[in-house]
Amino acid sequence: NKAIQTVQRAIISKPSTPIFSGIHVIAADNKLEIQ
């Protein structure tokens, strides 16, 4: 939850393209990177 709240502030109210309204999650090597 903390990680999502941190990265979510990069998303603006009206994204330039729909894909930028999403959060990208990458799971590998016992680490979860949220973008």
PDB file of all heavy atoms in Angstrom:
ATOM      1  N   ASN A   1       0.825  -1.206   0.000  1.00  0.00           N
ATOM      2  CA  ASN A   1       0.000   0.000   0.000  1.00  0.00           C
ATOM      3  C   ASN A   1       0.864   1.262   0.000  1.00  0.00           C
ATOM      4  O   ASN A   1       0.616   2.197  -0.767  1.00  0.00           O
ATOM      5  CB  ASN A   1      -0.914  -0.006   1.228  1.00  0.00           C
ATOM      6  CG  ASN A   1      -1.763   1.245   1.306  1.00  0.00           C
ATOM      7  OD1 ASN A   1      -2.379   1.658   0.336  1.00  0.00           O
ATOM      8  ND2 ASN A   1      -1.777   1.867   2.467  1.00  0.00           N
ATOM      9  N   LYS A   2       1.894   1.289   0.837  1.00  0.00           N
ATOM     10  CA  LYS A   2       2.787   2.452   0.885  1.00  0.00           C
ATOM     11  C   LYS A   2       3.494   2.675  -0.449  1.00  0.00           C
ATOM     12  O   LYS A   2       3.648   3.807  -0.907  1.00  0.00           O
ATOM     13  CB  LYS A   2       3.820   2.270   2.001  1.00  0.00           C
ATOM     14  CG  LYS A   2       3.267   2.466   3.397  1.00  0.00           C
ATOM     15  CD  LYS A   2       4.362   2.331   4.447  1.00  0.00           C
ATOM     16  CE  LYS A   2       3.810   2.582   5.842  1.00  0.00           C
ATOM     17  NZ  LYS A   2       4.869   2.436   6.878  1.00  0.00           N
ATOM     18  N   ALA A   3       3.932   1.572  -1.079  1.00  0.00           N
ATOM     19  CA  ALA A   3       4.615   1.681  -2.367  1.00  0.00           C
ATOM     20  C   ALA A   3       3.674   2.222  -3.441  1.00  0.00           C
ATOM     21  O   ALA A   3       4.055   3.086  -4.243  1.00  0.00           O
ATOM     22  CB  ALA A   3       5.165   0.318  -2.787  1.00  0.00           C
ATOM     23  N   ILE A   4       2.438   1.746  -3.433  1.00  0.00           N
ATOM     24  CA  ILE A   4       1.460   2.221  -4.418  1.00  0.00           C
ATOM     25  C   ILE A   4       1.177   3.709  -4.210  1.00  0.00           C
ATOM     26  O   ILE A   4       1.128   4.488  -5.167  1.00  0.00           O
ATOM     27  CB  ILE A   4       0.151   1.400  -4.333  1.00  0.00           C
ATOM     28  CG1 ILE A   4       0.391  -0.041  -4.795  1.00  0.00           C
ATOM     29  CG2 ILE A   4      -0.942   2.041  -5.182  1.00  0.00           C
ATOM     30  CD1 ILE A   4      -0.779  -0.968  -4.529  1.00  0.00           C
ATOM     31  N   GLN A   5       0.984   4.102  -2.960  1.00  0.00           N
ATOM     32  CA  GLN A   5       0.709   5.515  -2.680  1.00  0.00           C
ATOM     33  C   GLN A   5       1.875   6.400  -3.105  1.00  0.00           C
ATOM     34  O   GLN A   5       1.676   7.535  -3.561  1.00  0.00           O
ATOM     35  CB  GLN A   5       0.440   5.714  -1.177  1.00  0.00           C
ATOM     36  CG  GLN A   5      -0.757   4.951  -0.637  1.00  0.00           C
ATOM     37  CD  GLN A   5      -2.041   5.233  -1.391  1.00  0.00           C
ATOM     38  OE1 GLN A   5      -2.348   6.369  -1.722  1.00  0.00           O
ATOM     39  NE2 GLN A   5      -2.799   4.183  -1.682  1.00  0.00           N
ATOM     40  N   THR A   6       3.097   5.879  -2.978  1.00  0.00           N
ATOM     41  CA  THR A   6       4.279   6.648  -3.368  1.00  0.00           C
ATOM     42  C   THR A   6       4.325   6.873  -4.877  1.00  0.00           C
ATOM     43  O   THR A   6       4.488   7.992  -5.351  1.00  0.00           O
ATOM     44  CB  THR A   6       5.565   5.926  -2.914  1.00  0.00           C
ATOM     45  OG1 THR A   6       5.581   5.880  -1.483  1.00  0.00           O
ATOM     46  CG2 THR A   6       6.806   6.662  -3.402  1.00  0.00           C
ATOM     47  N   VAL A   7       4.173   5.797  -5.643  1.00  0.00           N
ATOM     48  CA  VAL A   7       4.324   5.913  -7.103  1.00  0.00           C
ATOM     49  C   VAL A   7       3.109   6.551  -7.755  1.00  0.00           C
ATOM     50  O   VAL A   7       3.210   7.180  -8.810  1.00  0.00           O
ATOM     51  CB  VAL A   7       4.618   4.543  -7.756  1.00  0.00           C
ATOM     52  CG1 VAL A   7       5.823   3.891  -7.109  1.00  0.00           C
ATOM     53  CG2 VAL A   7       3.411   3.614  -7.705  1.00  0.00           C
ATOM     54  N   GLN A   8       1.949   6.403  -7.126  1.00  0.00           N
ATOM     55  CA  GLN A   8       0.713   6.888  -7.727  1.00  0.00           C
ATOM     56  C   GLN A   8       0.737   8.404  -7.954  1.00  0.00           C
ATOM     57  O   GLN A   8       0.023   8.919  -8.811  1.00  0.00           O
ATOM     58  CB  GLN A   8      -0.475   6.502  -6.839  1.00  0.00           C
ATOM     59  CG  GLN A   8      -1.834   6.676  -7.504  1.00  0.00           C
ATOM     60  CD  GLN A   8      -2.970   6.246  -6.594  1.00  0.00           C
ATOM     61  OE1 GLN A   8      -2.803   6.115  -5.382  1.00  0.00           O
ATOM     62  NE2 GLN A   8      -4.128   6.020  -7.168  1.00  0.00           N
ATOM     63  N   ARG A   9       1.569   9.108  -7.196  1.00  0.00           N
ATOM     64  CA  ARG A   9       1.618  10.571  -7.341  1.00  0.00           C
ATOM     65  C   ARG A   9       2.257  11.004  -8.655  1.00  0.00           C
ATOM     66  O   ARG A   9       2.240  12.186  -8.990  1.00  0.00           O
ATOM     67  CB  ARG A   9       2.324  11.180  -6.136  1.00  0.00           C
ATOM     68  CG  ARG A   9       1.472  11.133  -4.866  1.00  0.00           C
ATOM     69  CD  ARG A   9       2.097  11.929  -3.740  1.00  0.00           C
ATOM     70  NE  ARG A   9       3.221  11.249  -3.151  1.00  0.00           N
ATOM     71  CZ  ARG A   9       3.136  10.426  -2.106  1.00  0.00           C
ATOM     72  NH1 ARG A   9       1.965  10.191  -1.547  1.00  0.00           N
ATOM     73  NH2 ARG A   9       4.203   9.850  -1.609  1.00  0.00           N
ATOM     74  N   ALA A  10       2.829  10.066  -9.385  1.00  0.00           N
ATOM     75  CA  ALA A  10       3.349  10.403 -10.713  1.00  0.00           C
ATOM     76  C   ALA A  10       2.227  10.455 -11.749  1.00  0.00           C
ATOM     77  O   ALA A  10       2.408  10.989 -12.844  1.00  0.00           O
ATOM     78  CB  ALA A  10       4.397   9.383 -11.149  1.00  0.00           C
ATOM     79  N   ILE A  11       1.075   9.903 -11.407  1.00  0.00           N
ATOM     80  CA  ILE A  11      -0.054   9.846 -12.342  1.00  0.00           C
ATOM     81  C   ILE A  11      -0.871  11.130 -12.212  1.00  0.00           C
ATOM     82  O   ILE A  11      -1.325  11.470 -11.119  1.00  0.00           O
ATOM     83  CB  ILE A  11      -0.933   8.617 -12.058  1.00  0.00           C
ATOM     84  CG1 ILE A  11      -0.112   7.335 -12.206  1.00  0.00           C
ATOM     85  CG2 ILE A  11      -2.128   8.586 -12.994  1.00  0.00           C
ATOM     86  CD1 ILE A  11      -0.856   6.076 -11.796  1.00  0.00           C
ATOM     87  N   ILE A  12      -1.055  11.827 -13.314  1.00  0.00           N
ATOM     88  CA  ILE A  12      -1.829  13.065 -13.290  1.00  0.00           C
ATOM     89  C   ILE A  12      -3.313  12.763 -13.474  1.00  0.00           C
ATOM     90  O   ILE A  12      -3.689  11.663 -13.873  1.00  0.00           O
ATOM     91  CB  ILE A  12      -1.333  14.055 -14.369  1.00  0.00           C
ATOM     92  CG1 ILE A  12      -1.467  13.459 -15.771  1.00  0.00           C
ATOM     93  CG2 ILE A  12       0.098  14.464 -14.096  1.00  0.00           C
ATOM     94  CD1 ILE A  12      -1.069  14.423 -16.875  1.00  0.00           C
ATOM     95  N   SER A  13      -4.155  13.734 -13.173  1.00  0.00           N
ATOM     96  CA  SER A  13      -5.605  13.507 -13.197  1.00  0.00           C
ATOM     97  C   SER A  13      -6.128  13.163 -14.590  1.00  0.00           C
ATOM     98  O   SER A  13      -7.068  12.382 -14.735  1.00  0.00           O
ATOM     99  CB  SER A  13      -6.338  14.736 -12.653  1.00  0.00           C
ATOM    100  OG  SER A  13      -5.997  15.890 -13.394  1.00  0.00           O
ATOM    101  N   LYS A  14      -5.509  13.759 -15.601  1.00  0.00           N
ATOM    102  CA  LYS A  14      -5.897  13.444 -16.976  1.00  0.00           C
ATOM    103  C   LYS A  14      -4.665  12.981 -17.741  1.00  0.00           C
ATOM    104  O   LYS A  14      -3.974  13.765 -18.381  1.00  0.00           O
ATOM    105  CB  LYS A  14      -6.520  14.663 -17.647  1.00  0.00           C
ATOM    106  CG  LYS A  14      -7.835  15.099 -17.019  1.00  0.00           C
ATOM    107  CD  LYS A  14      -8.438  16.301 -17.741  1.00  0.00           C
ATOM    108  CE  LYS A  14      -9.772  16.703 -17.114  1.00  0.00           C
ATOM    109  NZ  LYS A  14     -10.362  17.900 -17.786  1.00  0.00           N
ATOM    110  N   PRO A  15      -4.344  11.673 -17.660  1.00  0.00           N
ATOM    111  CA  PRO A  15      -3.134  11.147 -18.308  1.00  0.00           C
ATOM    112  C   PRO A  15      -3.114  11.418 -19.809  1.00  0.00           C
ATOM    113  O   PRO A  15      -4.153  11.466 -20.463  1.00  0.00           O
ATOM    114  CB  PRO A  15      -3.200   9.645 -18.019  1.00  0.00           C
ATOM    115  CG  PRO A  15      -4.081   9.525 -16.822  1.00  0.00           C
ATOM    116  CD  PRO A  15      -5.083  10.629 -16.950  1.00  0.00           C
ATOM    117  N   SER A  16      -1.908  11.599 -20.342  1.00  0.00           N
ATOM    118  CA  SER A  16      -1.749  11.893 -21.765  1.00  0.00           C
ATOM    119  C   SER A  16      -2.209  10.738 -22.642  1.00  0.00           C
ATOM    120  O   SER A  16      -2.684  10.935 -23.755  1.00  0.00           O
ATOM    121  CB  SER A  16      -0.282  12.235 -22.058  1.00  0.00           C
ATOM    122  OG  SER A  16       0.572  11.234 -21.542  1.00  0.00           O
ATOM    123  N   THR A  17      -2.060   9.499 -22.163  1.00  0.00           N
ATOM    124  CA  THR A  17      -2.609   8.320 -22.848  1.00  0.00           C
ATOM    125  C   THR A  17      -3.181   7.389 -21.777  1.00  0.00           C
ATOM    126  O   THR A  17      -2.738   7.406 -20.630  1.00  0.00           O
ATOM    127  CB  THR A  17      -1.531   7.555 -23.647  1.00  0.00           C
ATOM    128  OG1 THR A  17      -0.524   7.088 -22.742  1.00  0.00           O
ATOM    129  CG2 THR A  17      -0.881   8.442 -24.693  1.00  0.00           C
ATOM    130  N   PRO A  18      -4.167   6.553 -22.126  1.00  0.00           N
ATOM    131  CA  PRO A  18      -4.820   5.702 -21.122  1.00  0.00           C
ATOM    132  C   PRO A  18      -3.862   4.789 -20.358  1.00  0.00           C
ATOM    133  O   PRO A  18      -4.089   4.519 -19.178  1.00  0.00           O
ATOM    134  CB  PRO A  18      -5.816   4.885 -21.959  1.00  0.00           C
ATOM    135  CG  PRO A  18      -6.107   5.745 -23.147  1.00  0.00           C
ATOM    136  CD  PRO A  18      -4.831   6.463 -23.449  1.00  0.00           C
ATOM    137  N   ILE A  19      -2.795   4.315 -21.011  1.00  0.00           N
ATOM    138  CA  ILE A  19      -1.888   3.385 -20.338  1.00  0.00           C
ATOM    139  C   ILE A  19      -1.229   4.018 -19.127  1.00  0.00           C
ATOM    140  O   ILE A  19      -0.866   3.350 -18.160  1.00  0.00           O
ATOM    141  CB  ILE A  19      -0.818   2.844 -21.339  1.00  0.00           C
ATOM    142  CG1 ILE A  19      -0.101   1.617 -20.763  1.00  0.00           C
ATOM    143  CG2 ILE A  19       0.179   3.933 -21.702  1.00  0.00           C
ATOM    144  CD1 ILE A  19      -0.988   0.417 -20.591  1.00  0.00           C
ATOM    145  N   PHE A  20      -1.087   5.352 -19.127  1.00  0.00           N
ATOM    146  CA  PHE A  20      -0.455   6.050 -18.000  1.00  0.00           C
ATOM    147  C   PHE A  20      -1.383   6.178 -16.794  1.00  0.00           C
ATOM    148  O   PHE A  20      -0.992   6.730 -15.771  1.00  0.00           O
ATOM    149  CB  PHE A  20       0.034   7.430 -18.420  1.00  0.00           C
ATOM    150  CG  PHE A  20       1.289   7.395 -19.259  1.00  0.00           C
ATOM    151  CD1 PHE A  20       1.438   8.261 -20.331  1.00  0.00           C
ATOM    152  CD2 PHE A  20       2.305   6.518 -18.972  1.00  0.00           C
ATOM    153  CE1 PHE A  20       2.596   8.242 -21.106  1.00  0.00           C
ATOM    154  CE2 PHE A  20       3.464   6.481 -19.732  1.00  0.00           C
ATOM    155  CZ  PHE A  20       3.610   7.344 -20.808  1.00  0.00           C
ATOM    156  N   SER A  21      -2.611   5.663 -16.918  1.00  0.00           N
ATOM    157  CA  SER A  21      -3.493   5.614 -15.751  1.00  0.00           C
ATOM    158  C   SER A  21      -3.284   4.316 -14.972  1.00  0.00           C
ATOM    159  O   SER A  21      -3.964   4.067 -13.969  1.00  0.00           O
ATOM    160  CB  SER A  21      -4.963   5.724 -16.176  1.00  0.00           C
ATOM    161  OG  SER A  21      -5.349   4.581 -16.927  1.00  0.00           O
ATOM    162  N   GLY A  22      -2.348   3.495 -15.449  1.00  0.00           N
ATOM    163  CA  GLY A  22      -2.083   2.210 -14.814  1.00  0.00           C
ATOM    164  C   GLY A  22      -0.832   2.217 -13.963  1.00  0.00           C
ATOM    165  O   GLY A  22       0.014   3.104 -14.053  1.00  0.00           O
ATOM    166  N   ILE A  23      -0.725   1.200 -13.116  1.00  0.00           N
ATOM    167  CA  ILE A  23       0.479   0.939 -12.317  1.00  0.00           C
ATOM    168  C   ILE A  23       1.134  -0.323 -12.853  1.00  0.00           C
ATOM    169  O   ILE A  23       0.453  -1.339 -13.083  1.00  0.00           O
ATOM    170  CB  ILE A  23       0.128   0.787 -10.827  1.00  0.00           C
ATOM    171  CG1 ILE A  23      -0.133   2.175 -10.214  1.00  0.00           C
ATOM    172  CG2 ILE A  23       1.230   0.074 -10.064  1.00  0.00           C
ATOM    173  CD1 ILE A  23      -0.510   2.125  -8.748  1.00  0.00           C
ATOM    174  N   HIS A  24       2.430  -0.242 -13.075  1.00  0.00           N
ATOM    175  CA  HIS A  24       3.204  -1.361 -13.626  1.00  0.00           C
ATOM    176  C   HIS A  24       3.861  -2.103 -12.464  1.00  0.00           C
ATOM    177  O   HIS A  24       4.581  -1.495 -11.661  1.00  0.00           O
ATOM    178  CB  HIS A  24       4.273  -0.809 -14.582  1.00  0.00           C
ATOM    179  CG  HIS A  24       4.956  -1.866 -15.389  1.00  0.00           C
ATOM    180  ND1 HIS A  24       6.133  -1.643 -16.071  1.00  0.00           N
ATOM    181  CD2 HIS A  24       4.641  -3.166 -15.623  1.00  0.00           C
ATOM    182  CE1 HIS A  24       6.503  -2.747 -16.687  1.00  0.00           C
ATOM    183  NE2 HIS A  24       5.606  -3.677 -16.435  1.00  0.00           N
ATOM    184  N   VAL A  25       3.612  -3.389 -12.344  1.00  0.00           N
ATOM    185  CA  VAL A  25       4.171  -4.209 -11.264  1.00  0.00           C
ATOM    186  C   VAL A  25       5.041  -5.298 -11.873  1.00  0.00           C
ATOM    187  O   VAL A  25       4.578  -6.064 -12.723  1.00  0.00           O
ATOM    188  CB  VAL A  25       3.057  -4.838 -10.405  1.00  0.00           C
ATOM    189  CG1 VAL A  25       3.664  -5.667  -9.267  1.00  0.00           C
ATOM    190  CG2 VAL A  25       2.135  -3.759  -9.845  1.00  0.00           C
ATOM    191  N   ILE A  26       6.300  -5.358 -11.430  1.00  0.00           N
ATOM    192  CA  ILE A  26       7.256  -6.350 -11.947  1.00  0.00           C
ATOM    193  C   ILE A  26       7.744  -7.198 -10.779  1.00  0.00           C
ATOM    194  O   ILE A  26       8.256  -6.668  -9.787  1.00  0.00           O
ATOM    195  CB  ILE A  26       8.452  -5.665 -12.637  1.00  0.00           C
ATOM    196  CG1 ILE A  26       7.962  -4.736 -13.763  1.00  0.00           C
ATOM    197  CG2 ILE A  26       9.422  -6.707 -13.189  1.00  0.00           C
ATOM    198  CD1 ILE A  26       9.048  -3.851 -14.319  1.00  0.00           C
ATOM    199  N   ALA A  27       7.579  -8.512 -10.888  1.00  0.00           N
ATOM    200  CA  ALA A  27       7.969  -9.439  -9.822  1.00  0.00           C
ATOM    201  C   ALA A  27       9.143 -10.295 -10.288  1.00  0.00           C
ATOM    202  O   ALA A  27       9.037 -11.000 -11.295  1.00  0.00           O
ATOM    203  CB  ALA A  27       6.793 -10.327  -9.433  1.00  0.00           C
ATOM    204  N   ALA A  28      10.251 -10.227  -9.544  1.00  0.00           N
ATOM    205  CA  ALA A  28      11.438 -11.031  -9.867  1.00  0.00           C
ATOM    206  C   ALA A  28      12.400 -11.009  -8.692  1.00  0.00           C
ATOM    207  O   ALA A  28      12.507  -9.989  -7.986  1.00  0.00           O
ATOM    208  CB  ALA A  28      12.136 -10.507 -11.117  1.00  0.00           C
ATOM    209  N   ASP A  29      13.102 -12.121  -8.457  1.00  0.00           N
ATOM    210  CA  ASP A  29      14.173 -12.202  -7.449  1.00  0.00           C
ATOM    211  C   ASP A  29      13.710 -11.750  -6.063  1.00  0.00           C
ATOM    212  O   ASP A  29      14.431 -11.027  -5.340  1.00  0.00           O
ATOM    213  CB  ASP A  29      15.383 -11.357  -7.885  1.00  0.00           C
ATOM    214  CG  ASP A  29      15.919 -11.798  -9.233  1.00  0.00           C
ATOM    215  OD1 ASP A  29      15.906 -13.022  -9.505  1.00  0.00           O
ATOM    216  OD2 ASP A  29      16.326 -10.925 -10.024  1.00  0.00           O
ATOM    217  N   ASN A  30      12.516 -12.188  -5.678  1.00  0.00           N
ATOM    218  CA  ASN A  30      11.945 -11.848  -4.371  1.00  0.00           C
ATOM    219  C   ASN A  30      11.844 -10.345  -4.126  1.00  0.00           C
ATOM    220  O   ASN A  30      11.930  -9.865  -2.988  1.00  0.00           O
ATOM    221  CB  ASN A  30      12.731 -12.505  -3.238  1.00  0.00           C
ATOM    222  CG  ASN A  30      12.437 -13.999  -3.155  1.00  0.00           C
ATOM    223  OD1 ASN A  30      11.329 -14.444  -3.478  1.00  0.00           O
ATOM    224  ND2 ASN A  30      13.422 -14.783  -2.752  1.00  0.00           N
ATOM    225  N   LYS A  31      11.689  -9.597  -5.201  1.00  0.00           N
ATOM    226  CA  LYS A  31      11.462  -8.153  -5.125  1.00  0.00           C
ATOM    227  C   LYS A  31      10.264  -7.798  -5.992  1.00  0.00           C
ATOM    228  O   LYS A  31      10.052  -8.383  -7.064  1.00  0.00           O
ATOM    229  CB  LYS A  31      12.684  -7.370  -5.614  1.00  0.00           C
ATOM    230  CG  LYS A  31      13.935  -7.534  -4.762  1.00  0.00           C
ATOM    231  CD  LYS A  31      13.806  -6.804  -3.443  1.00  0.00           C
ATOM    232  CE  LYS A  31      15.098  -6.908  -2.633  1.00  0.00           C
ATOM    233  NZ  LYS A  31      14.967  -6.238  -1.314  1.00  0.00           N
ATOM    234  N   LEU A  32       9.502  -6.854  -5.516  1.00  0.00           N
ATOM    235  CA  LEU A  32       8.361  -6.350  -6.273  1.00  0.00           C
ATOM    236  C   LEU A  32       8.609  -4.886  -6.579  1.00  0.00           C
ATOM    237  O   LEU A  32       8.729  -4.060  -5.674  1.00  0.00           O
ATOM    238  CB  LEU A  32       7.079  -6.510  -5.436  1.00  0.00           C
ATOM    239  CG  LEU A  32       5.738  -6.608  -6.177  1.00  0.00           C
ATOM    240  CD1 LEU A  32       5.733  -7.824  -7.093  1.00  0.00           C
ATOM    241  CD2 LEU A  32       4.592  -6.667  -5.186  1.00  0.00           C
ATOM    242  N   GLU A  33       8.742  -4.577  -7.871  1.00  0.00           N
ATOM    243  CA  GLU A  33       8.953  -3.194  -8.274  1.00  0.00           C
ATOM    244  C   GLU A  33       7.642  -2.627  -8.800  1.00  0.00           C
ATOM    245  O   GLU A  33       7.058  -3.146  -9.733  1.00  0.00           O
ATOM    246  CB  GLU A  33      10.039  -3.072  -9.345  1.00  0.00           C
ATOM    247  CG  GLU A  33      10.335  -1.622  -9.710  1.00  0.00           C
ATOM    248  CD  GLU A  33      11.457  -1.480 -10.720  1.00  0.00           C
ATOM    249  OE1 GLU A  33      12.071  -2.501 -11.101  1.00  0.00           O
ATOM    250  OE2 GLU A  33      11.730  -0.327 -11.127  1.00  0.00           O
ATOM    251  N   ILE A  34       7.211  -1.524  -8.170  1.00  0.00           N
ATOM    252  CA  ILE A  34       5.962  -0.879  -8.551  1.00  0.00           C
ATOM    253  C   ILE A  34       6.305   0.440  -9.228  1.00  0.00           C
ATOM    254  O   ILE A  34       7.065   1.251  -8.683  1.00  0.00           O
ATOM    255  CB  ILE A  34       5.054  -0.641  -7.318  1.00  0.00           C
ATOM    256  CG1 ILE A  34       4.699  -1.974  -6.646  1.00  0.00           C
ATOM    257  CG2 ILE A  34       3.769   0.068  -7.706  1.00  0.00           C
ATOM    258  CD1 ILE A  34       5.597  -2.366  -5.534  1.00  0.00           C
ATOM    259  N   GLN A  35       5.760   0.656 -10.429  1.00  0.00           N
ATOM    260  CA  GLN A  35       6.102   1.840 -11.223  1.00  0.00           C
ATOM    261  C   GLN A  35       4.840   2.596 -11.647  1.00  0.00           C
ATOM    262  O   GLN A  35       3.794   1.996 -11.879  1.00  0.00           O
ATOM    263  CB  GLN A  35       6.866   1.440 -12.495  1.00  0.00           C
ATOM    264  CG  GLN A  35       8.114   0.625 -12.279  1.00  0.00           C
ATOM    265  CD  GLN A  35       8.691   0.139 -13.597  1.00  0.00           C
ATOM    266  OE1 GLN A  35       8.038   0.197 -14.644  1.00  0.00           O
ATOM    267  NE2 GLN A  35       9.925  -0.356 -13.549  1.00  0.00           N
TER     268      GLN A  35
END
